[in-house]
Every structure is written in structure tokens, then in C-alpha cells.
């Protein structure tokens, strides 16, 4: 029965080789997995467990999976059109968000087919006086529409006193109403000479549950200390600034990564030289939330690093669905899965680069997404 067989094929792992393998079994299987209706169901079915296909280093795509799931190098690479500065804001749900600063536009790009939607940046988010950051996402099961959350800081008498946000919907084609929340006293009072801004160069949003999170820092201060975590609740459409654990608050931004904690909920990956602390936000019986230290992991031995020869590890990116953190030294670059602590050495490190992981269900090899037939996919990989 084709309906029953389709349900079985729908539950294949979302690896790039799964559907090409199935398409080679028989013409009947090829017909089922090549049907556009099957593709529209396959992606949403696996939207919570997409594989980590690779990462973007600026506009170049670098695959990270092993054969036969390895996507051809440069498959999703692209070139910017136009002059000026292009700043990546991260990838999610098969889409990439890029800020064209001089053009005052946001580009929502589909890496599979290269399609790009240009959105004008709304007033108050110029990206110069008030640096901005953003995130793109799709609602569960929706592969046609997307939304963009844009965040920034608002100035008052030369001081940045509150965080602002607006949401764009591709379904309506308009930006929603302005939302805001005050900056915490630490940030607003201690930054008289160096106002607090969202550091768009280093903070890529992370989705945990139904909220997006960014790290807040002072972009101008020489210490570059972390000021807090910005939360945007997608369901309630509200903003909040969450303090970081007191024990690790006075540290540099590059030592922190927002993540999903073990067992769910908001967590922090804190890196100190070759040691990592995993923190979790917990709520007590009175409804009071506080940070609790989970486990501490020594990374020098698993990564075969010599503390006497290597400089400290630095966080270079984070894959939210696979819970994989990118760590780099001046000479090495690793991916570490935080539950299993399994690691993979990827390539030589570029110490000035931030890597944007690309997690998505890729159904190439079945005539979908501009892919080839199954046999050619395996020849290429």
C-alpha cells in the first residue's frame, strides 16, 4: 500500500543520504520520495532533529558530516551582491538571515535554491548608532512562511536605556508593533561613557523552547564584559533581560554561550581556559528562578590539547538542535557534542572568524531542492 509505505519512508532518519538510498531501491520508492507532497511532509516531521550539515564561514559553506551524508563542499556557498558590510545573523529552519548594513536591509536567504527576500530595516534600527541583531524562524509545520525578530537598543540623552524589538511576518508582509524592556541597572548606570549595545558581531541568537536568546555586552568597553541575557518570548511576544550567574558574571563575552540545559530549559556553557561549566536556570517551589551549576568538564584531555603549549579555548559558534559547540584555538578547530562529549576536529582555525552552523533537513538526490538523482549523489559524495 503506497500510503503505508509512504508513512514508513517518512520515518527514515533525516540524513542527506536517506532518501537517495530509498530512491535506488525501486521505481515505486523513487516515485514516492520524489513527490513534492512527500517533501512537504518530510521536513516538518523532522524539524526538531535536523542534522548539522556544516557551517558558514562568511559566505562560504563548509560541510562537516562524513560520507555518505557529506554535502558537497560549497553546495550552499554564495556571493554578496552590492557594496558594503554584510553581517550574518545566523541560520534556522532552513533559512539564513544576513544584515546588509549600508543598504539598511535584512536578507532572508534559502541556501537550498539561493532565493533571497530583502526586508527594509524599520525606523530605529539603523545598525550604526544602535547596533542590531536578529533571528529568523518558522512556526512548527510551516514551510511556506517565516518570521524575523529584530532587536536593538534605544538611546536617551546619549545613553542606551532600553532594548527594543519588532517582528516581521512574511505572511502579512509587515513589521509588527515596537516592544521594549528596560536595560538592567548595571548596564544602564555603569556605561555612561560606553553605552550598552547588542554586540552583533558575536551574539547569534539561540532558540530554547519557545524563546530566543542573545548575549548583551558593552561593545565599546575595553573589558568587553557580559551584561546579561536578552530573552524574547515568541508565544507571549515579550522581552526580558536575565542576569548571568554571579560566580561567572565578570568574564569576557567570548567565554559564554547560551544553550539548552540538560533536561531542558535555559542553560549557559561557560568556558575558562580548558574547563567548561554547564549552568541551568531552575525555579523553586515559590516560583523564584536562579542559576544552578550542573557539571564541570575538563576539555584538554578529550581534545588532546597541551595547556602549556595551546592558548585558551574560545567559543566560535553553537548548533542549537544538535547541542554542539564550536571551539577554537589559534591552530585548531573542534566541534563538541555536549551530552556525549564526543568531538570532531574540523579544520585549522581562523581566530577572527565566527562560524554559523547550518542545521536542516536536506533532501537532495531525489529531484527536490535542485538535487540530482540518487546515483549521482553517491558518486559526488
Protein backbone atom coordinates (compact mmCIF):
# COMPACT_ATOMS: atom_id res chain seq x y z
CA UNK A 1 0.00 0.00 0.00
CA UNK A 2 1.55 3.29 -1.09
CA UNK A 3 0.09 5.20 1.85
CA UNK A 4 1.61 2.78 4.37
CA UNK A 5 4.96 2.69 2.54
CA UNK A 6 5.00 6.49 2.46
CA UNK A 7 4.50 6.58 6.24
CA UNK A 8 7.43 4.20 6.68
CA UNK A 9 9.72 6.23 4.41
CA UNK A 10 8.65 9.39 6.23
CA UNK A 11 10.31 7.98 9.35
CA UNK A 12 13.70 7.43 7.78
CA UNK A 13 16.49 9.38 9.53
CA UNK A 14 16.78 12.95 8.18
CA UNK A 15 20.34 12.36 6.94
CA UNK A 16 21.14 13.61 3.40
CA UNK A 17 21.71 10.02 2.18
CA UNK A 18 18.42 8.55 3.47
CA UNK A 19 16.13 9.48 0.57
CA UNK A 20 18.73 8.89 -2.18
CA UNK A 21 19.23 5.39 -0.76
CA UNK A 22 15.49 4.79 -0.73
CA UNK A 23 15.10 6.13 -4.28
CA UNK A 24 17.54 3.49 -5.58
CA UNK A 25 15.52 0.55 -4.22
CA UNK A 26 12.79 0.62 -6.89
CA UNK A 27 10.97 2.96 -9.22
CA UNK A 28 7.98 2.81 -6.90
CA UNK A 29 10.07 4.09 -3.97
CA UNK A 30 11.63 6.76 -6.18
CA UNK A 31 8.18 7.96 -7.17
CA UNK A 32 7.08 8.24 -3.55
CA UNK A 33 10.10 10.14 -2.19
CA UNK A 34 10.26 12.41 -5.28
CA UNK A 35 6.66 13.52 -4.86
CA UNK A 36 6.51 17.19 -3.74
CA UNK A 37 3.83 16.28 -1.22
CA UNK A 38 6.22 13.84 0.45
CA UNK A 39 8.89 16.52 0.69
CA UNK A 40 6.42 18.93 2.29
CA UNK A 41 5.76 16.31 4.97
CA UNK A 42 9.34 15.04 5.41
CA UNK A 43 10.82 18.37 6.51
CA UNK A 44 8.19 19.22 9.18
CA UNK A 45 8.28 15.65 10.50
CA UNK A 46 11.98 16.09 11.36
CA UNK A 47 12.01 19.79 12.24
CA UNK A 48 13.04 19.05 15.84
CA UNK A 49 16.02 16.85 14.95
CA UNK A 50 17.69 18.27 11.81
CA UNK A 51 21.25 17.11 11.12
CA UNK A 52 24.18 19.51 11.35
CA UNK A 53 25.08 19.76 7.67
CA UNK A 54 28.02 22.13 8.19
CA UNK A 55 28.67 25.81 8.83
CA UNK A 56 29.03 29.11 7.04
CA UNK A 57 32.32 30.95 7.35
CA UNK A 58 31.22 34.31 5.99
CA UNK A 59 29.63 33.36 2.64
CA UNK A 60 31.48 30.04 2.21
CA UNK A 61 29.83 26.79 3.28
CA UNK A 62 31.97 24.08 4.85
CA UNK A 63 30.38 20.60 5.25
CA UNK A 64 31.02 18.66 8.45
CA UNK A 65 29.23 15.32 8.02
CA UNK A 66 31.08 12.20 6.89
CA UNK A 67 30.35 10.24 3.71
CA UNK A 68 27.79 9.24 2.51
CA UNK A 69 25.99 12.14 4.22
CA UNK A 70 28.59 14.76 3.42
CA UNK A 71 27.14 17.60 1.35
CA UNK A 72 29.48 18.68 -1.49
CA UNK A 73 31.77 21.49 -0.35
CA UNK A 74 30.46 24.89 -1.39
CA UNK A 75 26.97 23.50 -2.13
CA UNK A 76 25.33 26.33 -0.19
CA UNK A 77 28.04 28.98 -0.69
CA UNK A 78 27.06 32.31 -2.21
CA UNK A 79 28.37 35.73 -3.21
CA UNK A 80 27.04 39.02 -1.92
CA UNK A 81 25.58 41.40 -4.48
CA UNK A 82 26.13 45.07 -3.79
CA UNK A 83 28.66 47.04 -1.79
CA UNK A 84 29.02 47.48 1.93
CA UNK A 85 29.16 45.31 5.02
CA UNK A 86 27.18 42.07 5.22
CA UNK A 87 26.75 40.66 8.73
CA UNK A 88 25.40 37.12 9.28
CA UNK A 89 22.71 36.83 11.94
CA UNK A 90 22.58 33.03 11.90
CA UNK A 91 20.56 30.18 10.39
CA UNK A 92 17.42 28.40 11.49
CA UNK A 93 14.71 26.19 9.99
CA UNK A 94 16.44 26.03 6.61
CA UNK A 95 16.85 29.81 6.27
CA UNK A 96 19.77 32.22 6.68
CA UNK A 97 19.49 35.81 7.96
CA UNK A 98 22.01 38.42 6.78
CA UNK A 99 22.15 42.12 7.61
CA UNK A 100 23.26 44.43 4.79
CA UNK A 101 24.36 47.33 6.95
CA UNK A 102 24.97 50.04 4.34
CA UNK A 103 21.82 49.08 2.42
CA UNK A 104 19.73 49.01 5.64
CA UNK A 105 18.23 45.70 4.59
CA UNK A 106 17.80 42.25 6.03
CA UNK A 107 18.26 39.38 3.58
CA UNK A 108 16.38 36.15 4.29
CA UNK A 109 18.12 33.54 2.13
CA UNK A 110 17.15 29.98 1.27
CA UNK A 111 20.50 28.14 0.89
CA UNK A 112 18.86 25.25 -0.97
CA UNK A 113 17.80 27.25 -4.02
CA UNK A 114 19.51 30.63 -3.48
CA UNK A 115 16.24 32.57 -3.26
CA UNK A 116 16.52 35.75 -1.25
CA UNK A 117 13.88 38.02 0.31
CA UNK A 118 15.00 41.59 1.07
CA UNK A 119 13.36 43.33 4.02
CA UNK A 120 13.80 47.06 4.77
CA UNK A 121 15.07 47.67 8.29
CA UNK A 122 12.33 49.57 10.22
CA UNK A 123 12.99 53.03 11.74
CA UNK A 124 15.00 52.99 14.96
CA UNK A 125 17.16 50.03 13.89
CA UNK A 126 19.80 51.73 11.74
CA UNK A 127 22.67 49.42 12.69
CA UNK A 128 25.15 52.26 13.13
CA UNK A 129 24.29 54.36 16.17
CA UNK A 130 22.27 51.49 17.61
CA UNK A 131 23.76 48.14 16.54
CA UNK A 132 21.18 45.45 15.98
CA UNK A 133 20.84 41.69 15.92
CA UNK A 134 18.12 39.41 14.67
CA UNK A 135 16.78 35.91 14.21
CA UNK A 136 14.76 34.09 11.58
CA UNK A 137 12.40 31.19 12.34
CA UNK A 138 9.39 29.28 11.09
CA UNK A 139 6.37 28.15 13.05
CA UNK A 140 6.21 24.38 13.61
CA UNK A 141 5.00 22.63 10.47
CA UNK A 142 5.04 25.78 8.32
CA UNK A 143 7.42 25.54 5.36
CA UNK A 144 5.94 28.46 3.40
CA UNK A 145 6.13 31.41 5.77
CA UNK A 146 8.77 32.77 8.12
CA UNK A 147 9.18 35.45 10.78
CA UNK A 148 12.11 37.69 11.69
CA UNK A 149 12.75 39.13 15.15
CA UNK A 150 14.87 42.29 15.13
CA UNK A 151 16.37 43.61 18.38
CA UNK A 152 18.37 46.73 19.23
CA UNK A 153 18.89 49.37 21.91
CA UNK A 154 17.23 52.76 22.17
CA UNK A 155 19.14 55.88 23.14
CA UNK A 156 18.04 58.60 25.53
CA UNK A 157 20.40 61.55 26.16
CA UNK A 158 23.29 59.60 24.61
CA UNK A 159 22.64 56.59 26.87
CA UNK A 160 21.14 53.25 25.86
CA UNK A 161 18.29 52.83 28.34
CA UNK A 162 16.14 50.04 26.92
CA UNK A 163 16.09 47.13 24.49
CA UNK A 164 13.61 47.30 21.61
CA UNK A 165 12.26 44.67 19.23
CA UNK A 166 9.92 44.24 16.27
CA UNK A 167 8.71 41.13 14.45
CA UNK A 168 8.27 40.75 10.69
CA UNK A 169 5.85 38.23 9.21
CA UNK A 170 6.25 37.06 5.62
CA UNK A 171 2.55 36.09 5.64
CA UNK A 172 1.40 39.69 6.21
CA UNK A 173 4.49 41.40 4.73
CA UNK A 174 4.68 44.00 7.53
CA UNK A 175 6.62 44.71 10.73
CA UNK A 176 4.66 44.44 13.98
CA UNK A 177 4.45 46.98 16.80
CA UNK A 178 7.51 48.09 18.76
CA UNK A 179 8.22 46.22 22.00
CA UNK A 180 10.69 47.23 24.70
CA UNK A 181 12.15 46.41 28.10
CA UNK A 182 14.48 48.49 30.34
CA UNK A 183 18.15 47.62 30.50
CA UNK A 184 19.27 46.35 33.93
CA UNK A 185 20.74 48.92 36.35
CA UNK A 186 24.23 47.50 35.92
CA UNK A 187 24.14 48.06 32.20
CA UNK A 188 22.38 51.43 32.16
CA UNK A 189 24.20 53.08 35.07
CA UNK A 190 27.77 51.82 34.67
CA UNK A 191 28.07 52.53 30.97
CA UNK A 192 27.98 56.32 31.00
CA UNK A 193 30.99 56.53 28.71
CA UNK A 194 30.41 53.26 26.89
CA UNK A 195 26.69 52.66 26.35
CA UNK A 196 25.44 49.10 26.34
CA UNK A 197 24.68 47.74 22.89
CA UNK A 198 23.83 44.36 21.44
CA UNK A 199 27.12 43.09 20.08
CA UNK A 200 26.03 41.92 16.66
CA UNK A 201 29.49 40.61 15.79
CA UNK A 202 29.46 37.91 18.43
CA UNK A 203 25.91 37.15 19.56
CA UNK A 204 23.98 34.82 17.31
CA UNK A 205 20.53 34.02 18.68
CA UNK A 206 19.75 30.65 20.25
CA UNK A 207 16.28 29.10 20.34
CA UNK A 208 15.45 27.31 23.60
CA UNK A 209 11.87 26.14 24.00
CA UNK A 210 9.63 28.96 22.79
CA UNK A 211 12.13 31.78 23.44
CA UNK A 212 15.04 33.34 21.56
CA UNK A 213 18.13 34.44 23.49
CA UNK A 214 21.03 36.82 22.81
CA UNK A 215 24.02 37.85 24.93
CA UNK A 216 24.14 41.53 25.90
CA UNK A 217 27.52 43.21 26.16
CA UNK A 218 29.15 46.62 26.09
CA UNK A 219 30.56 46.91 22.58
CA UNK A 220 32.84 49.85 23.47
CA UNK A 221 34.25 48.90 26.86
CA UNK A 222 37.80 47.63 26.86
CA UNK A 223 36.83 44.76 29.18
CA UNK A 224 34.01 43.57 26.88
CA UNK A 225 32.17 42.06 29.85
CA UNK A 226 28.82 40.30 29.62
CA UNK A 227 25.87 42.37 30.89
CA UNK A 228 23.07 39.82 30.71
CA UNK A 229 20.95 37.60 28.51
CA UNK A 230 18.17 39.06 26.38
CA UNK A 231 15.05 36.86 26.10
CA UNK A 232 12.30 37.23 23.52
CA UNK A 233 9.31 35.00 24.24
CA UNK A 234 7.80 34.00 20.89
CA UNK A 235 4.45 32.99 22.36
CA UNK A 236 3.84 35.99 24.62
CA UNK A 237 5.76 38.44 22.39
CA UNK A 238 7.62 39.91 25.38
CA UNK A 239 11.20 41.00 26.13
CA UNK A 240 13.20 40.47 29.32
CA UNK A 241 16.83 40.78 30.43
CA UNK A 242 18.09 37.89 32.57
CA UNK A 243 21.20 38.27 34.78
CA UNK A 244 24.03 35.76 34.43
CA UNK A 245 25.29 33.72 37.41
CA UNK A 246 27.13 35.94 39.88
CA UNK A 247 30.04 33.49 40.12
CA UNK A 248 30.93 33.91 36.44
CA UNK A 249 29.48 37.37 35.68
CA UNK A 250 32.75 39.30 35.43
CA UNK A 251 34.12 37.49 32.40
CA UNK A 252 34.56 38.16 28.71
CA UNK A 253 31.74 37.61 26.20
CA UNK A 254 33.70 35.01 24.21
CA UNK A 255 33.63 32.68 27.24
CA UNK A 256 29.81 32.37 27.25
CA UNK A 257 27.28 30.50 25.14
CA UNK A 258 23.53 30.34 25.74
CA UNK A 259 22.23 26.80 25.25
CA UNK A 260 19.51 24.36 26.18
CA UNK A 261 20.31 22.88 29.57
CA UNK A 262 20.44 19.17 30.25
CA UNK A 263 16.85 18.07 30.76
CA UNK A 264 15.51 21.18 29.02
CA UNK A 265 15.26 24.85 29.93
CA UNK A 266 17.74 27.70 29.68
CA UNK A 267 21.39 26.93 30.21
CA UNK A 268 24.83 28.52 29.92
CA UNK A 269 28.06 26.99 28.65
CA UNK A 270 30.88 28.88 30.38
CA UNK A 271 34.45 28.36 29.22
CA UNK A 272 37.51 29.10 31.35
CA UNK A 273 40.74 28.18 29.57
CA UNK A 274 40.33 24.38 29.14
CA UNK A 275 37.48 23.88 31.63
CA UNK A 276 33.75 24.17 30.84
CA UNK A 277 30.91 24.75 33.31
CA UNK A 278 27.32 23.85 32.41
CA UNK A 279 24.78 26.03 34.24
CA UNK A 280 20.98 25.65 34.34
CA UNK A 281 18.16 28.02 35.25
CA UNK A 282 15.87 26.34 37.80
CA UNK A 283 12.67 27.52 39.50
CA UNK A 284 11.97 26.68 43.15
CA UNK A 285 8.62 25.92 44.81
CA UNK A 286 7.98 29.66 45.31
CA UNK A 287 8.41 30.38 41.61
CA UNK A 288 11.81 32.07 42.07
CA UNK A 289 14.28 31.34 39.27
CA UNK A 290 18.01 31.03 39.95
CA UNK A 291 21.14 29.63 38.32
CA UNK A 292 22.47 26.25 39.41
CA UNK A 293 25.83 24.79 38.41
CA UNK A 294 25.42 21.37 36.83
CA UNK A 295 28.65 19.71 35.82
CA UNK A 296 32.19 20.83 35.08
CA UNK A 297 34.10 19.26 32.21
CA UNK A 298 37.86 19.33 31.58
CA UNK A 299 38.41 19.59 27.82
CA UNK A 300 42.18 19.49 27.42
CA UNK A 301 42.47 15.68 27.60
CA UNK A 302 39.46 14.77 25.38
CA UNK A 303 40.66 17.27 22.77
CA UNK A 304 44.31 16.20 23.15
CA UNK A 305 45.43 19.74 23.93
CA UNK A 306 48.57 20.69 25.79
CA UNK A 307 47.70 23.52 28.22
CA UNK A 308 51.34 24.58 28.29
CA UNK A 309 51.53 24.99 24.52
CA UNK A 310 47.99 25.96 23.49
CA UNK A 311 46.30 29.25 24.29
CA UNK A 312 42.84 29.18 25.86
CA UNK A 313 39.86 27.79 24.00
CA UNK A 314 37.40 30.30 22.54
CA UNK A 315 33.76 29.68 21.61
CA UNK A 316 33.28 30.01 17.85
CA UNK A 317 29.64 29.01 17.37
CA UNK A 318 26.78 26.83 18.57
CA UNK A 319 24.35 24.41 16.87
CA UNK A 320 21.18 24.59 18.95
CA UNK A 321 19.34 21.45 17.78
CA UNK A 322 22.38 19.16 17.93
CA UNK A 323 23.73 20.83 21.10
CA UNK A 324 27.17 21.11 19.52
CA UNK A 325 29.56 23.89 20.50
CA UNK A 326 32.35 25.05 18.16
CA UNK A 327 35.63 25.61 20.00
CA UNK A 328 38.82 27.01 18.56
CA UNK A 329 42.40 27.80 19.45
CA UNK A 330 44.81 29.76 17.24
CA UNK A 331 45.72 26.49 15.49
CA UNK A 332 42.78 24.08 15.96
CA UNK A 333 39.01 23.97 15.49
CA UNK A 334 36.72 21.42 17.16
CA UNK A 335 33.04 20.51 17.35
CA UNK A 336 31.97 19.10 20.75
CA UNK A 337 28.61 17.43 21.42
CA UNK A 338 27.78 18.49 24.97
CA UNK A 339 25.79 15.43 26.15
CA UNK A 340 28.17 12.74 24.92
CA UNK A 341 31.32 14.92 24.85
CA UNK A 342 32.14 13.34 21.51
CA UNK A 343 34.30 15.70 19.48
CA UNK A 344 35.47 16.12 15.92
CA UNK A 345 38.44 18.11 14.68
CA UNK A 346 37.26 20.05 11.67
CA UNK A 347 39.99 22.24 10.23
CA UNK A 348 42.65 24.78 11.00
CA UNK A 349 41.31 27.72 12.94
CA UNK A 350 40.77 31.25 11.78
CA UNK A 351 40.94 33.08 15.10
CA UNK A 352 38.96 36.05 13.77
CA UNK A 353 36.02 34.02 12.44
CA UNK A 354 32.59 33.32 13.89
CA UNK A 355 31.04 30.18 12.45
CA UNK A 356 27.31 29.95 11.66
CA UNK A 357 26.11 26.33 11.93
CA UNK A 358 23.58 25.19 9.33
CA UNK A 359 21.15 22.59 10.70
CA UNK A 360 18.47 21.48 8.28
CA UNK A 361 16.75 18.56 6.60
CA UNK A 362 18.38 18.26 3.19
CA UNK A 363 16.50 16.11 0.67
CA UNK A 364 18.91 16.31 -2.26
CA UNK A 365 19.26 13.41 -4.64
CA UNK A 366 15.54 12.99 -5.30
CA UNK A 367 14.97 15.82 -7.73
CA UNK A 368 13.98 18.17 -4.89
CA UNK A 369 15.94 21.26 -3.79
CA UNK A 370 17.84 21.23 -7.08
CA UNK A 371 19.38 17.86 -6.20
CA UNK A 372 20.46 15.13 -8.61
CA UNK A 373 19.36 11.55 -8.94
CA UNK A 374 20.37 9.17 -6.16
CA UNK A 375 23.22 7.54 -8.08
CA UNK A 376 24.82 10.89 -8.88
CA UNK A 377 24.53 11.98 -5.23
CA UNK A 378 26.57 8.96 -4.13
CA UNK A 379 29.12 9.48 -6.91
CA UNK A 380 29.61 13.07 -5.71
CA UNK A 381 29.92 12.13 -2.03
